């Protein structure tokens, strides 16, 4: 956008920003805005890739970093495992074990003790597949609170009190989800809450393959733009850890990314970047296209006036075209039902192992149905 445009004619494009609940993506977008490549003040990031699994920790330590990234100060853990799309059970076990280790570390950093009682909350509508992640996790959660209450002498060492709840959504119950959970917290008095919910991503490549953990709480319904009362330490009075998996993207994001992929592909062709001659049918991967930065003048030449627009202006235009037609849809992959069941089981097993010292990946199947 023209920086010399008079202030009174500046357009507020905040409503057209990419919809994402992932701190990892927000950090990437904020970093791109820093043309000098400098780090974001008040934000620390650690990243490692091993065996097809990328692990990143982001610590937002002050308000300046929070403003630039657009996330609340806190700790964010992200696990990215694109191989989950292959439905490889061995790889799924590997992801589950890795996430269990990382989540156990997360609990320690959050100050959660090995005997602190936990309330598991599965947010979402179990009647909508893309929103059923939370209830599906609860289905595979190992609950033990009743045993501690009724037969404490029968509980062996290495377990903690865990209760679970799927409160539904406002449209099903007529009650704010946060009010239901607050009432349960006041009666059951857990030491901390783990809330599971479906999220929104800015890229289909991360849908159902990425796990985010945050100690900042959660806003139920935020993935599809429904703003409900927050579940945080401030509202519940105890620590709230949020675990989410992106299950949807919106149509504006898909259209914007598709245009980027098209221009990147054409730019590769213009500059003579061809496919592997030994495999002429092999297409460039999404990462190949994302890594190839097409010069602005090339984009302008290929796409005319549209190519000359900035990213925010392109999103605004796409939004203005789709919204009046009712076509700015929230989209999920057609295989979402099988993906959802698989990743919910993986995460539930990981959390069961992290919460109970006596549970590990070898024996977790014997503890839950």
Protein backbone atom coordinates (compact mmCIF):
# COMPACT_ATOMS: atom_id res chain seq x y z
CA UNK A 1 0.00 0.00 0.00
CA UNK A 2 1.21 3.52 -0.77
CA UNK A 3 2.77 4.86 2.42
CA UNK A 4 2.39 8.46 1.12
CA UNK A 5 -1.38 8.24 1.04
CA UNK A 6 -2.92 10.89 3.36
CA UNK A 7 -3.80 9.52 6.79
CA UNK A 8 -7.50 10.31 6.44
CA UNK A 9 -7.72 8.03 3.39
CA UNK A 10 -5.94 5.07 4.93
CA UNK A 11 -8.13 1.97 4.90
CA UNK A 12 -8.38 -0.29 7.94
CA UNK A 13 -7.50 -3.72 6.56
CA UNK A 14 -7.46 -5.53 9.89
CA UNK A 15 -10.66 -7.39 9.07
CA UNK A 16 -8.98 -8.83 5.99
CA UNK A 17 -5.94 -10.28 7.71
CA UNK A 18 -5.32 -13.99 7.34
CA UNK A 19 -7.45 -16.02 9.72
CA UNK A 20 -5.19 -18.16 11.89
CA UNK A 21 -5.18 -19.40 15.47
CA UNK A 22 -1.59 -20.65 15.24
CA UNK A 23 1.13 -18.64 16.97
CA UNK A 24 3.64 -20.22 14.58
CA UNK A 25 1.89 -18.72 11.57
CA UNK A 26 1.38 -15.38 13.29
CA UNK A 27 5.11 -15.26 14.06
CA UNK A 28 5.96 -16.07 10.42
CA UNK A 29 3.73 -13.27 9.15
CA UNK A 30 5.11 -10.79 11.69
CA UNK A 31 8.69 -11.74 10.80
CA UNK A 32 8.01 -11.15 7.08
CA UNK A 33 6.92 -7.60 7.82
CA UNK A 34 10.40 -6.86 9.20
CA UNK A 35 12.23 -6.14 5.95
CA UNK A 36 15.58 -5.90 7.74
CA UNK A 37 15.29 -9.48 8.99
CA UNK A 38 15.62 -8.45 12.63
CA UNK A 39 14.06 -10.49 15.42
CA UNK A 40 10.84 -9.40 17.11
CA UNK A 41 11.53 -7.70 20.46
CA UNK A 42 10.18 -9.62 23.42
CA UNK A 43 9.78 -12.85 21.44
CA UNK A 44 12.04 -15.90 21.70
CA UNK A 45 11.73 -18.88 19.36
CA UNK A 46 13.35 -22.32 19.29
CA UNK A 47 12.82 -24.76 16.42
CA UNK A 48 14.02 -28.23 15.52
CA UNK A 49 13.15 -30.74 12.79
CA UNK A 50 13.86 -34.42 13.24
CA UNK A 51 12.38 -37.47 11.54
CA UNK A 52 9.66 -35.56 9.74
CA UNK A 53 8.48 -33.78 12.91
CA UNK A 54 9.08 -30.05 13.41
CA UNK A 55 8.94 -28.81 16.99
CA UNK A 56 8.85 -25.11 17.80
CA UNK A 57 8.60 -23.23 21.08
CA UNK A 58 7.62 -19.56 21.06
CA UNK A 59 7.85 -17.47 24.20
CA UNK A 60 6.09 -14.08 24.02
CA UNK A 61 7.47 -12.19 26.98
CA UNK A 62 6.06 -8.67 26.76
CA UNK A 63 3.31 -6.53 25.27
CA UNK A 64 5.44 -5.27 22.38
CA UNK A 65 6.00 -8.81 21.11
CA UNK A 66 2.34 -9.59 21.70
CA UNK A 67 1.25 -6.62 19.59
CA UNK A 68 3.50 -7.51 16.67
CA UNK A 69 2.47 -11.17 16.61
CA UNK A 70 -1.13 -10.62 17.63
CA UNK A 71 -1.07 -13.20 20.42
CA UNK A 72 -1.36 -12.95 24.20
CA UNK A 73 1.97 -13.14 26.11
CA UNK A 74 2.73 -16.70 27.07
CA UNK A 75 4.30 -19.96 25.91
CA UNK A 76 3.30 -21.66 22.67
CA UNK A 77 4.39 -25.16 21.64
CA UNK A 78 3.77 -26.31 18.07
CA UNK A 79 4.27 -29.79 16.63
CA UNK A 80 4.10 -30.09 12.82
CA UNK A 81 3.98 -33.58 11.30
CA UNK A 82 2.89 -33.53 7.62
CA UNK A 83 3.40 -37.30 7.47
CA UNK A 84 0.22 -37.77 9.50
CA UNK A 85 -1.69 -37.35 6.24
CA UNK A 86 -0.29 -40.70 5.07
CA UNK A 87 -2.13 -42.45 7.94
CA UNK A 88 1.04 -44.41 8.72
CA UNK A 89 0.41 -46.05 12.12
CA UNK A 90 4.12 -46.34 12.93
CA UNK A 91 4.67 -42.65 12.24
CA UNK A 92 1.55 -41.85 14.27
CA UNK A 93 3.05 -43.72 17.23
CA UNK A 94 6.25 -41.74 16.80
CA UNK A 95 4.34 -38.44 16.83
CA UNK A 96 2.38 -39.53 19.91
CA UNK A 97 5.54 -40.40 21.84
CA UNK A 98 7.25 -37.15 20.85
CA UNK A 99 4.23 -35.05 21.76
CA UNK A 100 3.92 -36.82 25.13
CA UNK A 101 7.53 -35.88 25.94
CA UNK A 102 7.09 -32.27 24.83
CA UNK A 103 3.78 -31.87 26.65
CA UNK A 104 5.28 -33.25 29.85
CA UNK A 105 7.97 -30.58 29.58
CA UNK A 106 5.26 -27.98 28.91
CA UNK A 107 3.44 -28.95 32.11
CA UNK A 108 6.65 -28.58 34.08
CA UNK A 109 7.33 -25.12 32.60
CA UNK A 110 3.75 -24.13 33.46
CA UNK A 111 4.36 -25.07 37.08
CA UNK A 112 1.95 -28.03 37.10
CA UNK A 113 2.90 -30.61 39.74
CA UNK A 114 2.78 -34.41 39.20
CA UNK A 115 -0.14 -34.81 41.63
CA UNK A 116 -2.19 -31.75 40.63
CA UNK A 117 -5.75 -32.63 39.65
CA UNK A 118 -6.88 -31.93 36.09
CA UNK A 119 -10.15 -31.21 34.30
CA UNK A 120 -10.13 -32.17 30.61
CA UNK A 121 -12.58 -30.09 28.54
CA UNK A 122 -13.48 -31.13 25.00
CA UNK A 123 -14.85 -28.02 23.29
CA UNK A 124 -16.84 -28.19 20.08
CA UNK A 125 -19.94 -29.62 18.47
CA UNK A 126 -19.83 -33.42 18.25
CA UNK A 127 -22.44 -33.28 15.46
CA UNK A 128 -20.04 -31.41 13.13
CA UNK A 129 -17.03 -33.50 12.12
CA UNK A 130 -14.58 -30.62 11.72
CA UNK A 131 -15.59 -29.31 15.17
CA UNK A 132 -15.62 -32.66 16.97
CA UNK A 133 -11.93 -32.74 17.89
CA UNK A 134 -12.50 -31.84 21.55
CA UNK A 135 -15.27 -34.40 22.22
CA UNK A 136 -13.25 -37.11 20.43
CA UNK A 137 -10.25 -36.48 22.68
CA UNK A 138 -12.48 -36.74 25.76
CA UNK A 139 -13.73 -40.09 24.44
CA UNK A 140 -10.18 -41.48 24.73
CA UNK A 141 -9.22 -39.67 27.94
CA UNK A 142 -8.26 -41.71 30.98
CA UNK A 143 -10.49 -40.43 33.82
CA UNK A 144 -9.54 -41.25 37.41
CA UNK A 145 -11.10 -38.64 39.71
CA UNK A 146 -13.96 -40.91 40.75
CA UNK A 147 -11.46 -43.56 41.83
CA UNK A 148 -9.65 -41.07 44.06
CA UNK A 149 -13.02 -40.01 45.50
CA UNK A 150 -14.56 -43.46 46.04
CA UNK A 151 -11.66 -45.88 46.42
CA UNK A 152 -8.46 -43.92 47.08
CA UNK A 153 -6.76 -46.96 48.65
CA UNK A 154 -7.14 -48.86 45.36
CA UNK A 155 -5.27 -46.24 43.30
CA UNK A 156 -1.63 -47.13 42.69
CA UNK A 157 1.26 -44.65 42.61
CA UNK A 158 1.90 -42.75 39.40
CA UNK A 159 -1.63 -41.54 38.70
CA UNK A 160 -3.36 -38.20 39.27
CA UNK A 161 -7.05 -37.24 39.56
CA UNK A 162 -8.40 -36.48 36.07
CA UNK A 163 -12.00 -35.65 35.18
CA UNK A 164 -13.42 -34.94 31.72
CA UNK A 165 -16.28 -32.94 30.24
CA UNK A 166 -17.74 -32.27 26.78
CA UNK A 167 -20.01 -29.26 27.38
CA UNK A 168 -21.27 -28.93 23.81
CA UNK A 169 -21.81 -25.53 22.19
CA UNK A 170 -24.18 -22.65 22.82
CA UNK A 171 -26.44 -23.69 19.95
CA UNK A 172 -26.98 -27.14 21.49
CA UNK A 173 -27.29 -26.26 25.16
CA UNK A 174 -28.47 -22.65 25.22
CA UNK A 175 -25.80 -22.01 27.85
CA UNK A 176 -22.47 -20.28 27.38
CA UNK A 177 -19.74 -22.93 27.36
CA UNK A 178 -17.64 -20.85 29.73
CA UNK A 179 -20.51 -20.74 32.26
CA UNK A 180 -20.82 -24.55 32.23
CA UNK A 181 -17.08 -25.01 32.73
CA UNK A 182 -16.90 -22.34 35.42
CA UNK A 183 -19.67 -24.10 37.35
CA UNK A 184 -17.88 -27.46 37.10
CA UNK A 185 -14.58 -25.89 38.19
CA UNK A 186 -16.25 -24.33 41.25
CA UNK A 187 -17.74 -27.70 42.29
CA UNK A 188 -14.99 -30.16 41.29
CA UNK A 189 -12.10 -27.80 42.22
CA UNK A 190 -9.41 -29.09 39.83
CA UNK A 191 -5.94 -27.58 40.03
CA UNK A 192 -5.79 -26.85 36.31
CA UNK A 193 -7.78 -27.23 33.08
CA UNK A 194 -6.74 -28.61 29.69
CA UNK A 195 -9.11 -27.43 26.95
CA UNK A 196 -9.16 -29.06 23.51
CA UNK A 197 -10.62 -27.24 20.51
CA UNK A 198 -10.55 -27.10 16.72
CA UNK A 199 -8.55 -24.19 15.28
CA UNK A 200 -8.23 -22.33 11.99
CA UNK A 201 -5.06 -22.21 9.91
CA UNK A 202 -3.86 -20.01 7.06
CA UNK A 203 -2.77 -23.01 4.97
CA UNK A 204 -4.28 -26.35 4.06
CA UNK A 205 -0.86 -27.97 4.54
CA UNK A 206 -1.23 -27.54 8.31
CA UNK A 207 -4.81 -28.80 8.58
CA UNK A 208 -4.97 -31.97 10.72
CA UNK A 209 -1.16 -32.22 10.78
CA UNK A 210 -0.30 -29.58 13.39
CA UNK A 211 -0.76 -29.48 17.16
CA UNK A 212 -0.56 -26.27 19.19
CA UNK A 213 -0.30 -26.02 22.98
CA UNK A 214 -0.61 -22.68 24.79
CA UNK A 215 -0.74 -21.62 28.43
CA UNK A 216 -2.83 -18.56 27.61
CA UNK A 217 -6.26 -20.18 27.66
CA UNK A 218 -8.72 -20.35 24.80
CA UNK A 219 -11.70 -18.63 23.18
CA UNK A 220 -14.33 -21.27 22.25
CA UNK A 221 -15.51 -20.95 18.64
CA UNK A 222 -12.61 -18.71 17.59
CA UNK A 223 -11.67 -21.08 14.76
CA UNK A 224 -14.77 -20.13 12.78
CA UNK A 225 -14.99 -16.54 13.99
CA UNK A 226 -17.58 -17.04 16.76
CA UNK A 227 -16.35 -14.96 19.68
CA UNK A 228 -17.43 -16.49 22.98
CA UNK A 229 -16.33 -15.86 26.56
CA UNK A 230 -12.71 -16.79 27.12
CA UNK A 231 -11.47 -19.68 29.23
CA UNK A 232 -8.39 -18.30 30.96
CA UNK A 233 -6.72 -18.16 34.35
CA UNK A 234 -8.46 -14.80 34.87
CA UNK A 235 -11.97 -16.19 34.20
CA UNK A 236 -11.62 -19.57 35.92
CA UNK A 237 -9.10 -18.75 38.65
CA UNK A 238 -6.79 -21.69 37.76
CA UNK A 239 -4.27 -22.31 34.94
CA UNK A 240 -5.87 -23.12 31.58
CA UNK A 241 -3.81 -24.96 28.97
CA UNK A 242 -5.21 -24.98 25.44
CA UNK A 243 -4.49 -27.75 22.95
CA UNK A 244 -5.76 -27.30 19.42
CA UNK A 245 -5.53 -28.79 15.95
CA UNK A 246 -6.35 -26.69 12.86
CA UNK A 247 -9.24 -28.31 11.01
CA UNK A 248 -10.48 -25.47 8.77
CA UNK A 249 -9.39 -22.57 6.58
CA UNK A 250 -11.56 -19.90 4.99
CA UNK A 251 -12.13 -19.44 1.26
CA UNK A 252 -10.27 -16.10 1.16
CA UNK A 253 -7.15 -17.83 2.46
CA UNK A 254 -7.43 -20.65 -0.09
CA UNK A 255 -7.93 -18.20 -2.96
CA UNK A 256 -5.03 -16.00 -1.81
CA UNK A 257 -2.66 -18.97 -1.39
CA UNK A 258 -3.73 -20.43 -4.75
CA UNK A 259 -2.84 -17.17 -6.49
CA UNK A 260 0.55 -17.23 -4.75
CA UNK A 261 1.13 -20.83 -5.87
CA UNK A 262 0.15 -19.97 -9.46
CA UNK A 263 2.47 -16.96 -9.67
CA UNK A 264 5.30 -18.93 -8.05
CA UNK A 265 4.81 -21.78 -10.52
CA UNK A 266 4.75 -19.42 -13.51
CA UNK A 267 7.78 -17.59 -12.14
CA UNK A 268 9.67 -20.88 -11.93
CA UNK A 269 8.79 -21.61 -15.55
CA UNK A 270 9.81 -18.13 -16.71
CA UNK A 271 13.19 -18.48 -15.01
CA UNK A 272 13.79 -21.94 -16.38
CA UNK A 273 13.28 -23.91 -13.17
CA UNK A 274 12.06 -27.24 -14.51
CA UNK A 275 10.93 -30.47 -12.94
CA UNK A 276 13.38 -33.33 -12.39
CA UNK A 277 14.32 -34.54 -15.91
CA UNK A 278 14.52 -38.11 -14.56
CA UNK A 279 10.94 -37.82 -13.41
CA UNK A 280 9.06 -35.48 -15.79
CA UNK A 281 5.76 -36.15 -14.04
CA UNK A 282 7.02 -34.98 -10.67
CA UNK A 283 5.47 -31.68 -9.67
CA UNK A 284 7.07 -29.15 -7.31
CA UNK A 285 5.97 -29.54 -3.71
CA UNK A 286 4.13 -26.88 -1.74
CA UNK A 287 7.41 -26.09 0.03
CA UNK A 288 9.15 -25.66 -3.34
CA UNK A 289 6.57 -23.08 -4.34
CA UNK A 290 6.61 -21.34 -0.96
CA UNK A 291 10.40 -21.09 -1.02
CA UNK A 292 10.45 -19.61 -4.52
CA UNK A 293 9.90 -15.88 -4.25
CA UNK A 294 8.61 -14.50 -7.54
CA UNK A 295 9.83 -10.92 -8.12
CA UNK A 296 7.10 -8.28 -7.83
CA UNK A 297 7.68 -7.06 -11.39
CA UNK A 298 7.13 -10.58 -12.71
CA UNK A 299 3.87 -10.89 -10.81
CA UNK A 300 2.79 -7.48 -12.09
CA UNK A 301 3.58 -8.51 -15.66
CA UNK A 302 1.66 -11.77 -15.36
CA UNK A 303 -1.38 -10.49 -13.47
CA UNK A 304 -1.67 -6.84 -14.42
CA UNK A 305 -3.26 -4.48 -11.92
CA UNK A 306 -4.08 -7.30 -9.51
CA UNK A 307 -0.43 -8.33 -9.42
CA UNK A 308 0.55 -4.77 -8.44
CA UNK A 309 -1.56 -4.90 -5.28
CA UNK A 310 -0.02 -5.58 -1.89
CA UNK A 311 -0.89 -8.72 0.05
CA UNK A 312 -3.43 -6.97 2.29
CA UNK A 313 -5.08 -5.32 -0.71
CA UNK A 314 -5.33 -8.66 -2.51
CA UNK A 315 -7.04 -10.20 0.51
CA UNK A 316 -9.39 -7.21 0.70
CA UNK A 317 -10.36 -7.59 -2.96
CA UNK A 318 -10.96 -11.34 -2.66
CA UNK A 319 -12.99 -10.75 0.51
CA UNK A 320 -15.07 -8.06 -1.21
CA UNK A 321 -15.82 -10.41 -4.12
CA UNK A 322 -16.66 -13.53 -2.09
CA UNK A 323 -18.55 -12.09 0.90
CA UNK A 324 -21.54 -10.50 -0.94
CA UNK A 325 -21.96 -13.78 -2.82
CA UNK A 326 -21.99 -15.74 0.41
CA UNK A 327 -18.96 -17.71 -0.79
CA UNK A 328 -16.40 -16.90 1.92
CA UNK A 329 -16.90 -20.40 3.23
CA UNK A 330 -15.11 -22.16 6.07
CA UNK A 331 -13.53 -25.18 4.35
CA UNK A 332 -12.17 -28.50 5.59
CA UNK A 333 -10.64 -31.45 3.66
CA UNK A 334 -13.04 -34.17 2.52
CA UNK A 335 -11.09 -36.79 4.52
CA UNK A 336 -11.68 -34.85 7.75
CA UNK A 337 -13.63 -37.66 9.43
CA UNK A 338 -10.79 -40.20 9.29
CA UNK A 339 -8.15 -37.55 10.02
CA UNK A 340 -10.07 -36.30 13.05
CA UNK A 341 -10.49 -39.73 14.60
CA UNK A 342 -6.81 -40.54 14.11
CA UNK A 343 -5.29 -37.32 15.46
CA UNK A 344 -7.71 -37.19 18.41
CA UNK A 345 -6.57 -40.69 19.44
CA UNK A 346 -2.90 -39.73 19.02
CA UNK A 347 -3.25 -36.62 21.17
CA UNK A 348 -5.39 -38.34 23.81
CA UNK A 349 -2.78 -41.08 24.20
CA UNK A 350 -0.01 -38.50 24.47
CA UNK A 351 -1.85 -36.49 27.11
CA UNK A 352 -2.67 -39.65 29.09
CA UNK A 353 1.04 -40.51 29.15
CA UNK A 354 2.08 -36.98 30.14
CA UNK A 355 -0.48 -36.72 32.95
CA UNK A 356 0.19 -40.08 34.59
CA UNK A 357 3.72 -41.21 35.43
CA UNK A 358 2.69 -44.87 35.33
CA UNK A 359 1.27 -44.61 31.80
CA UNK A 360 3.53 -44.81 28.75
CA UNK A 361 3.16 -45.50 25.04
CA UNK A 362 3.61 -49.26 25.62
CA UNK A 363 0.74 -49.63 28.10
CA UNK A 364 -1.58 -46.72 27.31
CA UNK A 365 -3.88 -48.92 25.23
CA UNK A 366 -4.65 -51.05 28.29
CA UNK A 367 -5.84 -48.01 30.25
CA UNK A 368 -8.51 -46.74 27.82
CA UNK A 369 -11.00 -48.28 25.46
